[in-house]
Amino acid sequence: MNNEHKKLILISLNEINFDIAYKYAKKYNLKNFQYLIENKTINYITESEKDYNKLEPWIQWSSVYTGLSSDDHGIFRLGDILSNANDQIFEKIENLNLKVGAISPMNVENRLKFPAYFIPDPWTQTNHDGSFWSKLITNVLIKSVNQNAKNKLNYTSIFFLFFIFLRFARIKNYINFIYLFLFSKRKKWRKAIFLDLLINDIHIKFINKYSPNFSNVFFNAGAHIQHHHFLKSIFAIKNNNFMNKNIDFIDPIYESLFYYDKILSDYVNNKSYNFIIFTGLTQTPNPYPTYYYRLKDHKNFLSILRIKYKAIYPRMSRDFLIEFKNLSQSQEALRILSNLKTSNGEKIFEELDDRGLSIFVTLTYNKIINKNMYINFNNLKFNFLNLVDFVAIKNGIHNEKGYLFASKNLKNLIGKKKLNVKDIHKIILNFFKN
């Protein structure tokens, strides 16, 4: 088969636990999960670093995209690819005179010369492919994800989201979209599922229109829902006191898998493309509640602290990057943020990555913030609760184990049963080279 006729889709089901998914699949007849797991495709267990601090998706997916271990590629924060010189799988395949597309690949810089389509993830400031629709989708995804912590989308975002919906949503999914949208006010995980379902419909229309040789589509709703609702799962932890106090009549894990099963049907039944379905990592239920908060207004927060800066870039949930004009500004900001404490004497930012003219910041305070809690700064007090949005209680923690499923045509390329995350890069590249 000539290279130009080879076609492969990498479906990134970020952090999905297929061992638990299989239990749901058998109980609720999720046919596509059953199809994948019950040895009707090639399936593998993957591994990654042992160091828990390196078990972050933006680190491990960078290993997939560069073919290097975390120590070798040196990418440890979301957005770090922008200052990293390592080649990515996308431009390597394009250099074989093949057509490449990608939608929301995590921590990837668009270095393609002629992308079939490219929509970046919502946290990495890189160029889309330049088309009208990709520009609009990129902007809406960024705003939707960043406004999700507030459990509220502004009217502008809703209008443009509806505009994208009319253009790309497939009629067969209309009922699903309407249900997820109408019943998401108090069950905000449904917003994440809605976006993944829409991303998939966009992807299907793009591959049908542009027919790329290689395409990557990244789904993050399942990982997000596991992190925040794992202890509500009927298959997670039994007789757990924290779970019993937070029980819900609706199982968010089941809902995410129900819609992912629909998404998978577009790929396991696709005769035109080979596929690799990969999770990168998985999660383990966390029996101890950890509370996540996000700054409501990053610029306003720095203004209150009288921190001078050049630019600020919110990342996923608790993280943000601050850029400065000079080292004097950077060091003053580092001094202020590192000494910032709550009224009970605990630090707010214990993770501050000093990079010279920039600082990568993580809001690490992870206990309940009540209305009487204050931030002390220069003999002034600011109400802590007024400055943050509650994101969620972290129910799932990262695990090095991953799951990979592939079309039977890839069997000879994969070979060994035990794979490292970085091996996926070589498998994809060899598919097009051999």
Foldseek 3Di string as FASTA:
>chain_A
DALQQAAEEEEAPAFADLVVLVVLCVVVVLPLSCCQPVPVFDKFKEFADPDQLQLDLLQLLVLQFQLDHSVVQVDRDFQCVVVTDGHTLQVLSVVVVFEEEEAARTRDAPPDPQHLWYAHHLFHPHDTNPDPLSVLLNVLNVQCQVCLLVLDHDPVSVVSVVVLCVVFPDPVCVVVLVVLVVPCSVVVLSVLLNVLNSQLSNVVVSCVVSVGRYYYYHRCSLVLCCQFQVLQDPPADPPQPVSVVVHDPDRVNSVSSSSVSVSSVVPVVDPSHWYKYKHSWHWHFDSDWWWFKDFPDVVVVCVVQVQDFDDKGDHHGFKIKTFHPAQVSLVVVVVQQQCKDKPVGHHQWPDWDRDGRMIITGRRRTDDQDQPMWIDDPNDTDGPVVGIRTRHIGGIRIDRMMMMTIHNVLPVLVPDRYHYSSVSSVSVSVSSVD
